[in-house]
C-alpha atoms as a PDB file:
ATOM      1  CA  MET A   1      -5.093  -1.815 -31.491  1.00  0.00           C
ATOM      2  CA  LEU A   2      -7.466  -1.726 -28.489  1.00  0.00           C
ATOM      3  CA  SER A   3     -11.127  -2.620 -28.858  1.00  0.00           C
ATOM      4  CA  LYS A   4     -13.783  -0.244 -27.514  1.00  0.00           C
ATOM      5  CA  ASN A   5     -14.578  -2.772 -24.787  1.00  0.00           C
ATOM      6  CA  GLN A   6     -10.935  -2.935 -23.673  1.00  0.00           C
ATOM      7  CA  VAL A   7     -10.746   0.859 -23.507  1.00  0.00           C
ATOM      8  CA  LYS A   8     -13.967   0.935 -21.431  1.00  0.00           C
ATOM      9  CA  LEU A   9     -12.720  -1.776 -19.090  1.00  0.00           C
ATOM     10  CA  ILE A  10      -9.410  -0.058 -18.375  1.00  0.00           C
ATOM     11  CA  GLN A  11     -11.085   3.294 -17.807  1.00  0.00           C
ATOM     12  CA  LYS A  12     -13.538   1.645 -15.380  1.00  0.00           C
ATOM     13  CA  LEU A  13     -10.578   0.335 -13.366  1.00  0.00           C
ATOM     14  CA  HIS A  14      -9.602   3.905 -12.518  1.00  0.00           C
ATOM     15  CA  GLN A  15     -12.519   3.648 -10.031  1.00  0.00           C
ATOM     16  CA  LYS A  16     -12.505   1.674  -6.800  1.00  0.00           C
ATOM     17  CA  LYS A  17     -16.081   0.442  -7.289  1.00  0.00           C
ATOM     18  CA  TYR A  18     -15.223  -1.482 -10.462  1.00  0.00           C
ATOM     19  CA  ARG A  19     -11.863  -2.734  -9.116  1.00  0.00           C
ATOM     20  CA  ASN A  20     -13.732  -4.248  -6.148  1.00  0.00           C
ATOM     21  CA  GLU A  21     -16.485  -5.670  -8.319  1.00  0.00           C
ATOM     22  CA  LEU A  22     -14.209  -7.245 -10.931  1.00  0.00           C
ATOM     23  CA  LYS A  23     -11.322  -8.075  -8.554  1.00  0.00           C
ATOM     24  CA  ILE A  24      -8.749  -6.771 -11.047  1.00  0.00           C
ATOM     25  CA  PHE A  25      -6.468  -3.709 -11.127  1.00  0.00           C
ATOM     26  CA  ILE A  26      -4.050  -1.833 -13.375  1.00  0.00           C
ATOM     27  CA  VAL A  27      -0.291  -1.527 -13.147  1.00  0.00           C
ATOM     28  CA  GLU A  28       1.518   1.081 -15.217  1.00  0.00           C
ATOM     29  CA  GLY A  29       5.108   1.441 -16.299  1.00  0.00           C
ATOM     30  CA  LYS A  30       7.719  -1.037 -17.476  1.00  0.00           C
ATOM     31  CA  LYS A  31       9.507  -1.519 -14.134  1.00  0.00           C
ATOM     32  CA  SER A  32       6.365  -2.150 -12.086  1.00  0.00           C
ATOM     33  CA  ILE A  33       4.771  -4.419 -14.704  1.00  0.00           C
ATOM     34  CA  ASN A  34       7.961  -6.507 -14.840  1.00  0.00           C
ATOM     35  CA  GLU A  35       7.972  -6.846 -11.031  1.00  0.00           C
ATOM     36  CA  PHE A  36       4.395  -8.183 -11.091  1.00  0.00           C
ATOM     37  CA  LEU A  37       5.252 -10.575 -13.936  1.00  0.00           C
ATOM     38  CA  GLN A  38       8.331 -11.842 -12.076  1.00  0.00           C
ATOM     39  CA  ALA A  39       6.210 -12.371  -8.957  1.00  0.00           C
ATOM     40  CA  GLY A  40       4.038 -14.790 -10.956  1.00  0.00           C
ATOM     41  CA  TYR A  41       1.054 -12.554 -11.771  1.00  0.00           C
ATOM     42  CA  THR A  42      -0.502 -13.381 -15.166  1.00  0.00           C
ATOM     43  CA  PRO A  43      -1.843 -10.361 -17.028  1.00  0.00           C
ATOM     44  CA  GLN A  44      -5.424 -10.479 -18.257  1.00  0.00           C
ATOM     45  CA  LEU A  45      -4.402  -7.734 -20.652  1.00  0.00           C
ATOM     46  CA  LEU A  46      -1.010  -6.135 -21.365  1.00  0.00           C
ATOM     47  CA  ILE A  47      -0.844  -3.212 -23.719  1.00  0.00           C
ATOM     48  CA  ALA A  48       2.467  -1.722 -24.738  1.00  0.00           C
ATOM     49  CA  THR A  49       4.111   0.639 -27.170  1.00  0.00           C
ATOM     50  CA  GLU A  50       6.916  -0.869 -29.222  1.00  0.00           C
ATOM     51  CA  ALA A  51       9.608   0.215 -26.777  1.00  0.00           C
ATOM     52  CA  PHE A  52       8.288  -2.208 -24.161  1.00  0.00           C
ATOM     53  CA  THR A  53       7.929  -5.350 -26.171  1.00  0.00           C
ATOM     54  CA  ALA A  54      11.402  -6.826 -25.864  1.00  0.00           C
ATOM     55  CA  SER A  55      11.048  -7.858 -22.202  1.00  0.00           C
ATOM     56  CA  VAL A  56       7.691  -9.668 -22.289  1.00  0.00           C
ATOM     57  CA  PRO A  57       6.481 -12.800 -24.125  1.00  0.00           C
ATOM     58  CA  GLN A  58       5.046 -11.568 -27.413  1.00  0.00           C
ATOM     59  CA  HIS A  59       1.796 -13.540 -27.233  1.00  0.00           C
ATOM     60  CA  LEU A  60       0.777 -11.608 -24.115  1.00  0.00           C
ATOM     61  CA  ILE A  61       1.051  -8.180 -25.691  1.00  0.00           C
ATOM     62  CA  THR A  62      -1.482  -5.973 -27.427  1.00  0.00           C
ATOM     63  CA  PRO A  63       0.649  -3.359 -29.238  1.00  0.00           C
ATOM     64  CA  VAL A  64      -0.716   0.198 -29.065  1.00  0.00           C
ATOM     65  CA  SER A  65       0.292   3.679 -30.128  1.00  0.00           C
ATOM     66  CA  LYS A  66       1.374   6.307 -27.584  1.00  0.00           C
ATOM     67  CA  ASP A  67      -1.959   8.082 -28.140  1.00  0.00           C
ATOM     68  CA  GLU A  68      -3.961   4.939 -27.400  1.00  0.00           C
ATOM     69  CA  LEU A  69      -1.950   4.368 -24.233  1.00  0.00           C
ATOM     70  CA  ARG A  70      -2.541   7.961 -23.147  1.00  0.00           C
ATOM     71  CA  LYS A  71      -6.289   7.505 -23.586  1.00  0.00           C
ATOM     72  CA  VAL A  72      -6.471   4.728 -20.952  1.00  0.00           C
ATOM     73  CA  SER A  73      -3.584   5.730 -18.668  1.00  0.00           C
ATOM     74  CA  THR A  74      -3.999   7.482 -15.304  1.00  0.00           C
ATOM     75  CA  LEU A  75      -0.686   9.289 -15.933  1.00  0.00           C
ATOM     76  CA  GLN A  76      -0.054  12.439 -17.920  1.00  0.00           C
ATOM     77  CA  ASN A  77       3.050  10.919 -19.517  1.00  0.00           C
ATOM     78  CA  PRO A  78       2.472   7.166 -19.568  1.00  0.00           C
ATOM     79  CA  ASP A  79       5.540   4.955 -19.529  1.00  0.00           C
ATOM     80  CA  GLU A  80       5.379   2.434 -22.377  1.00  0.00           C
ATOM     81  CA  GLY A  81       2.783   0.041 -21.007  1.00  0.00           C
ATOM     82  CA  LEU A  82      -0.213  -0.813 -18.874  1.00  0.00           C
ATOM     83  CA  ALA A  83      -1.248  -4.229 -17.549  1.00  0.00           C
ATOM     84  CA  VAL A  84      -4.431  -5.564 -15.989  1.00  0.00           C
ATOM     85  CA  PHE A  85      -3.880  -8.162 -13.257  1.00  0.00           C
ATOM     86  CA  GLU A  86      -6.139 -10.159 -10.959  1.00  0.00           C
ATOM     87  CA  GLN A  87      -6.130  -9.082  -7.313  1.00  0.00           C
ATOM     88  CA  PRO A  88      -4.393 -11.791  -5.249  1.00  0.00           C
ATOM     89  CA  LYS A  89      -6.439 -13.824  -2.805  1.00  0.00           C
ATOM     90  CA  HIS A  90      -4.683 -13.639   0.547  1.00  0.00           C
ATOM     91  CA  LYS A  91      -5.218 -16.464   3.007  1.00  0.00           C
ATOM     92  CA  GLY A  92      -5.951 -15.710   6.652  1.00  0.00           C
ATOM     93  CA  ILE A  93      -3.994 -13.032   8.508  1.00  0.00           C
ATOM     94  CA  LEU A  94      -0.638 -14.302   9.675  1.00  0.00           C
ATOM     95  CA  GLN A  95      -0.450 -13.128  13.304  1.00  0.00           C
ATOM     96  CA  GLU A  96       3.272 -13.214  13.888  1.00  0.00           C
ATOM     97  CA  GLY A  97       6.219 -10.845  13.544  1.00  0.00           C
ATOM     98  CA  VAL A  98       5.672  -7.121  13.300  1.00  0.00           C
ATOM     99  CA  ILE A  99       2.349  -6.212  11.667  1.00  0.00           C
ATOM    100  CA  VAL A 100       1.590  -2.682  10.540  1.00  0.00           C
ATOM    101  CA  ALA A 101      -2.024  -1.465  10.705  1.00  0.00           C
ATOM    102  CA  LEU A 102      -3.493   1.721   9.235  1.00  0.00           C
ATOM    103  CA  ASP A 103      -6.459   3.606  10.689  1.00  0.00           C
ATOM    104  CA  ASN A 104      -7.959   5.807   7.914  1.00  0.00           C
ATOM    105  CA  VAL A 105      -4.835   6.686   5.882  1.00  0.00           C
ATOM    106  CA  GLN A 106      -6.263   8.668   2.958  1.00  0.00           C
ATOM    107  CA  ASP A 107      -3.399   9.724   0.703  1.00  0.00           C
ATOM    108  CA  PRO A 108      -2.423   7.239  -2.054  1.00  0.00           C
ATOM    109  CA  GLY A 109       1.221   8.393  -2.002  1.00  0.00           C
ATOM    110  CA  ASN A 110       1.384   7.718   1.737  1.00  0.00           C
ATOM    111  CA  LEU A 111      -0.082   4.227   1.409  1.00  0.00           C
ATOM    112  CA  GLY A 112       2.241   3.371  -1.474  1.00  0.00           C
ATOM    113  CA  THR A 113       5.255   4.541   0.517  1.00  0.00           C
ATOM    114  CA  ILE A 114       4.131   2.573   3.605  1.00  0.00           C
ATOM    115  CA  ILE A 115       3.815  -0.595   1.437  1.00  0.00           C
ATOM    116  CA  ARG A 116       7.413   0.000   0.247  1.00  0.00           C
ATOM    117  CA  LEU A 117       8.570   0.500   3.831  1.00  0.00           C
ATOM    118  CA  CYS A 118       6.904  -2.741   4.921  1.00  0.00           C
ATOM    119  CA  ASP A 119       8.692  -4.533   2.067  1.00  0.00           C
ATOM    120  CA  TRP A 120      12.062  -2.956   2.991  1.00  0.00           C
ATOM    121  CA  PHE A 121      11.780  -3.813   6.677  1.00  0.00           C
ATOM    122  CA  GLY A 122      10.408  -7.325   6.122  1.00  0.00           C
ATOM    123  CA  VAL A 123       6.855  -6.660   7.316  1.00  0.00           C
ATOM    124  CA  GLU A 124       4.701  -9.117   5.398  1.00  0.00           C
ATOM    125  CA  THR A 125       1.265  -8.175   6.713  1.00  0.00           C
ATOM    126  CA  LEU A 126      -0.403  -4.769   6.416  1.00  0.00           C
ATOM    127  CA  LEU A 127      -3.891  -4.333   7.892  1.00  0.00           C
ATOM    128  CA  CYS A 128      -6.107  -1.463   6.738  1.00  0.00           C
ATOM    129  CA  ASN A 129      -9.447  -0.432   8.101  1.00  0.00           C
ATOM    130  CA  THR A 130     -12.084  -0.135   5.401  1.00  0.00           C
ATOM    131  CA  GLN A 131     -11.831   3.683   5.284  1.00  0.00           C
ATOM    132  CA  THR A 132      -8.156   3.525   4.259  1.00  0.00           C
ATOM    133  CA  VAL A 133      -7.436   4.315   0.587  1.00  0.00           C
ATOM    134  CA  ASP A 134      -7.615   1.274  -1.745  1.00  0.00           C
ATOM    135  CA  CYS A 135      -4.194  -0.363  -2.254  1.00  0.00           C
ATOM    136  CA  TYR A 136      -5.150  -1.039  -5.901  1.00  0.00           C
ATOM    137  CA  ASN A 137      -5.738   2.657  -6.595  1.00  0.00           C
ATOM    138  CA  PRO A 138      -3.359   3.301  -9.558  1.00  0.00           C
ATOM    139  CA  LYS A 139      -1.550   6.034  -7.600  1.00  0.00           C
ATOM    140  CA  VAL A 140      -0.894   3.609  -4.727  1.00  0.00           C
ATOM    141  CA  VAL A 141       0.331   0.910  -7.122  1.00  0.00           C
ATOM    142  CA  GLN A 142       2.598   3.513  -8.746  1.00  0.00           C
ATOM    143  CA  ALA A 143       4.048   4.690  -5.406  1.00  0.00           C
ATOM    144  CA  SER A 144       4.536   1.147  -4.065  1.00  0.00           C
ATOM    145  CA  MET A 145       6.870   0.307  -6.976  1.00  0.00           C
ATOM    146  CA  GLY A 146       6.269  -3.473  -7.091  1.00  0.00           C
ATOM    147  CA  SER A 147       6.382  -3.904  -3.288  1.00  0.00           C
ATOM    148  CA  LEU A 148       2.679  -4.714  -3.431  1.00  0.00           C
ATOM    149  CA  THR A 149       3.698  -8.160  -4.736  1.00  0.00           C
ATOM    150  CA  ARG A 150       5.520  -8.911  -1.456  1.00  0.00           C
ATOM    151  CA  VAL A 151       3.212  -7.428   1.204  1.00  0.00           C
ATOM    152  CA  ALA A 152      -0.214  -8.951   1.981  1.00  0.00           C
ATOM    153  CA  VAL A 153      -2.686  -6.081   2.403  1.00  0.00           C
ATOM    154  CA  HIS A 154      -5.930  -6.963   4.236  1.00  0.00           C
ATOM    155  CA  TYR A 155      -8.948  -4.641   4.514  1.00  0.00           C
ATOM    156  CA  LEU A 156     -11.068  -5.239   7.589  1.00  0.00           C
ATOM    157  CA  ASP A 157     -12.912  -3.741  10.514  1.00  0.00           C
ATOM    158  CA  LEU A 158      -9.755  -2.839  12.428  1.00  0.00           C
ATOM    159  CA  ALA A 159     -11.389  -2.246  15.813  1.00  0.00           C
ATOM    160  CA  ALA A 160     -13.192  -5.617  15.631  1.00  0.00           C
ATOM    161  CA  PHE A 161      -9.925  -7.342  14.718  1.00  0.00           C
ATOM    162  CA  LEU A 162      -8.067  -5.714  17.638  1.00  0.00           C
ATOM    163  CA  THR A 163     -10.641  -7.064  20.109  1.00  0.00           C
ATOM    164  CA  THR A 164      -9.827 -10.632  18.972  1.00  0.00           C
ATOM    165  CA  THR A 165      -6.028 -10.561  18.584  1.00  0.00           C
ATOM    166  CA  ALA A 166      -3.682 -11.760  21.323  1.00  0.00           C
ATOM    167  CA  LEU A 167      -0.842  -9.574  19.963  1.00  0.00           C
ATOM    168  CA  PRO A 168       0.102  -6.410  21.879  1.00  0.00           C
ATOM    169  CA  VAL A 169      -1.012  -3.246  20.093  1.00  0.00           C
ATOM    170  CA  TYR A 170       1.132  -0.104  19.879  1.00  0.00           C
ATOM    171  CA  THR A 171      -0.492   3.042  18.598  1.00  0.00           C
ATOM    172  CA  MET A 172       1.516   5.955  17.223  1.00  0.00           C
ATOM    173  CA  ASP A 173       0.345   9.419  18.250  1.00  0.00           C
ATOM    174  CA  LEU A 174       1.609  12.888  19.190  1.00  0.00           C
ATOM    175  CA  GLU A 175       1.370  12.221  22.920  1.00  0.00           C
ATOM    176  CA  GLY A 176       2.685   8.974  24.364  1.00  0.00           C
ATOM    177  CA  GLU A 177       5.713   7.035  25.565  1.00  0.00           C
ATOM    178  CA  ASN A 178       9.041   7.931  23.946  1.00  0.00           C
ATOM    179  CA  LEU A 179       9.708   5.631  20.973  1.00  0.00           C
ATOM    180  CA  TYR A 180      13.425   5.463  21.827  1.00  0.00           C
ATOM    181  CA  THR A 181      12.924   4.194  25.372  1.00  0.00           C
ATOM    182  CA  ALA A 182       9.977   1.870  24.653  1.00  0.00           C
ATOM    183  CA  THR A 183      10.586  -1.847  24.087  1.00  0.00           C
ATOM    184  CA  PHE A 184       8.723  -3.872  21.502  1.00  0.00           C
ATOM    185  CA  PRO A 185       8.228  -7.642  21.489  1.00  0.00           C
ATOM    186  CA  LYS A 186       9.058  -9.706  18.388  1.00  0.00           C
ATOM    187  CA  ASP A 187       5.348 -10.151  17.610  1.00  0.00           C
ATOM    188  CA  CYS A 188       3.241  -6.982  17.782  1.00  0.00           C
ATOM    189  CA  ILE A 189       0.946  -4.624  15.863  1.00  0.00           C
ATOM    190  CA  LEU A 190       2.017  -1.039  15.101  1.00  0.00           C
ATOM    191  CA  ILE A 191      -0.831   1.326  14.225  1.00  0.00           C
ATOM    192  CA  LEU A 192      -0.522   4.539  12.205  1.00  0.00           C
ATOM    193  CA  GLY A 193      -3.471   6.926  11.962  1.00  0.00           C
ATOM    194  CA  ASN A 194      -5.165   9.394   9.658  1.00  0.00           C
ATOM    195  CA  GLU A 195      -3.073  12.265   8.233  1.00  0.00           C
ATOM    196  CA  ALA A 196      -5.191  14.993   9.832  1.00  0.00           C
ATOM    197  CA  ASN A 197      -6.939  13.356  12.803  1.00  0.00           C
ATOM    198  CA  GLY A 198      -4.529  10.683  13.961  1.00  0.00           C
ATOM    199  CA  ILE A 199      -5.951   7.573  15.607  1.00  0.00           C
ATOM    200  CA  SER A 200      -9.693   7.127  16.097  1.00  0.00           C
ATOM    201  CA  SER A 201     -10.846   6.961  19.720  1.00  0.00           C
ATOM    202  CA  GLU A 202     -12.231   3.462  19.109  1.00  0.00           C
ATOM    203  CA  VAL A 203      -8.816   2.115  18.053  1.00  0.00           C
ATOM    204  CA  ARG A 204      -6.939   4.069  20.708  1.00  0.00           C
ATOM    205  CA  ALA A 205      -9.106   2.462  23.391  1.00  0.00           C
ATOM    206  CA  LEU A 206      -7.974  -0.969  22.196  1.00  0.00           C
ATOM    207  CA  SER A 207      -4.245  -0.272  22.210  1.00  0.00           C
ATOM    208  CA  ASN A 208      -1.897  -1.504  24.908  1.00  0.00           C
ATOM    209  CA  GLU A 209       0.405   1.464  24.602  1.00  0.00           C
ATOM    210  CA  VAL A 210       0.554   4.838  22.836  1.00  0.00           C
ATOM    211  CA  ILE A 211       4.001   5.670  21.437  1.00  0.00           C
ATOM    212  CA  THR A 212       5.321   8.981  20.184  1.00  0.00           C
ATOM    213  CA  ILE A 213       8.383  10.110  18.226  1.00  0.00           C
ATOM    214  CA  PRO A 214       9.906  12.826  20.419  1.00  0.00           C
ATOM    215  CA  ARG A 215      10.436  16.195  18.816  1.00  0.00           C
ATOM    216  CA  PHE A 216      13.982  17.544  19.205  1.00  0.00           C
ATOM    217  CA  SER A 217      13.356  20.982  17.717  1.00  0.00           C
ATOM    218  CA  GLN A 218      13.132  23.943  20.078  1.00  0.00           C
ATOM    219  CA  HIS A 219      10.575  25.476  17.701  1.00  0.00           C
ATOM    220  CA  GLN A 220       7.068  24.293  18.377  1.00  0.00           C
ATOM    221  CA  ARG A 221       5.805  25.110  14.878  1.00  0.00           C
ATOM    222  CA  THR A 222       6.099  21.642  13.359  1.00  0.00           C
ATOM    223  CA  GLU A 223       2.673  20.207  14.093  1.00  0.00           C
ATOM    224  CA  SER A 224       3.315  16.594  13.140  1.00  0.00           C
ATOM    225  CA  LEU A 225       5.241  14.285  10.846  1.00  0.00           C
ATOM    226  CA  ASN A 226       3.916  12.903   7.586  1.00  0.00           C
ATOM    227  CA  VAL A 227       2.429   9.459   8.345  1.00  0.00           C
ATOM    228  CA  ALA A 228       4.792   7.610   5.978  1.00  0.00           C
ATOM    229  CA  MET A 229       7.823   9.399   7.492  1.00  0.00           C
ATOM    230  CA  ALA A 230       6.628   8.438  10.957  1.00  0.00           C
ATOM    231  CA  GLY A 231       6.213   4.849   9.760  1.00  0.00           C
ATOM    232  CA  ALA A 232       9.817   4.818   8.480  1.00  0.00           C
ATOM    233  CA  ILE A 233      11.204   6.092  11.799  1.00  0.00           C
ATOM    234  CA  ILE A 234       9.153   3.625  13.852  1.00  0.00           C
ATOM    235  CA  LEU A 235       9.971   0.588  11.708  1.00  0.00           C
ATOM    236  CA  SER A 236      13.640   1.490  11.683  1.00  0.00           C
ATOM    237  CA  GLU A 237      13.671   1.674  15.485  1.00  0.00           C
ATOM    238  CA  VAL A 238      11.550  -1.441  16.103  1.00  0.00           C
ATOM    239  CA  MET A 239      13.308  -3.640  13.528  1.00  0.00           C
ATOM    240  CA  GLY A 240      16.753  -2.331  14.461  1.00  0.00           C
ATOM    241  CA  HIS A 241      16.366  -3.785  17.964  1.00  0.00           C
ATOM    242  CA  HIS A 242      14.998  -7.188  16.975  1.00  0.00           C
END
């Protein structure tokens, strides 16, 4: 049974303001919760319906009914459990290898997918400017499927960071050098922009090169690619040649 205070706390964590203030976040669903537990995260609170309980140490669990779970979940059909974890404290930004940076990505599904892509392609550092959607937004956590435990996400003033880094900066946009003929060094930053507006002029001015994925269709009706799809194509190309 959940106390009123626990219900209030979990519902507060649906909002970015309280996640930032309290430095905690929620993870929903058996598979994702288990990934966070296996990665060494200790739950401050773990609520679960009976179906969940077999896979987690009993003393950590607050058993709840399906209705109680529904009351605090962000999902319409919650999946057996919800956990509250502390946000990890990342050390300084590791400036080596391929780093992905996001300039104002707004859609939680896109960010979650990009975190999964970074995990798949071995990118350990993801930089986000402060206007990018919060990586601890429950929809992002859901879409990243546990990959959030393996990718260090840093929020910062991206333009200010780019003025200080020695790494070459490649910006992805609709006009630029052909991705398939460009060469990328082992250590570099790849920047993806906002879904509607692309890269901000401030960030573009700080990039060494603008890269584009050439369009092969004869029909000029496709305006652009989804940002996560573009990220997948770019990472596949860059990592495939390393």
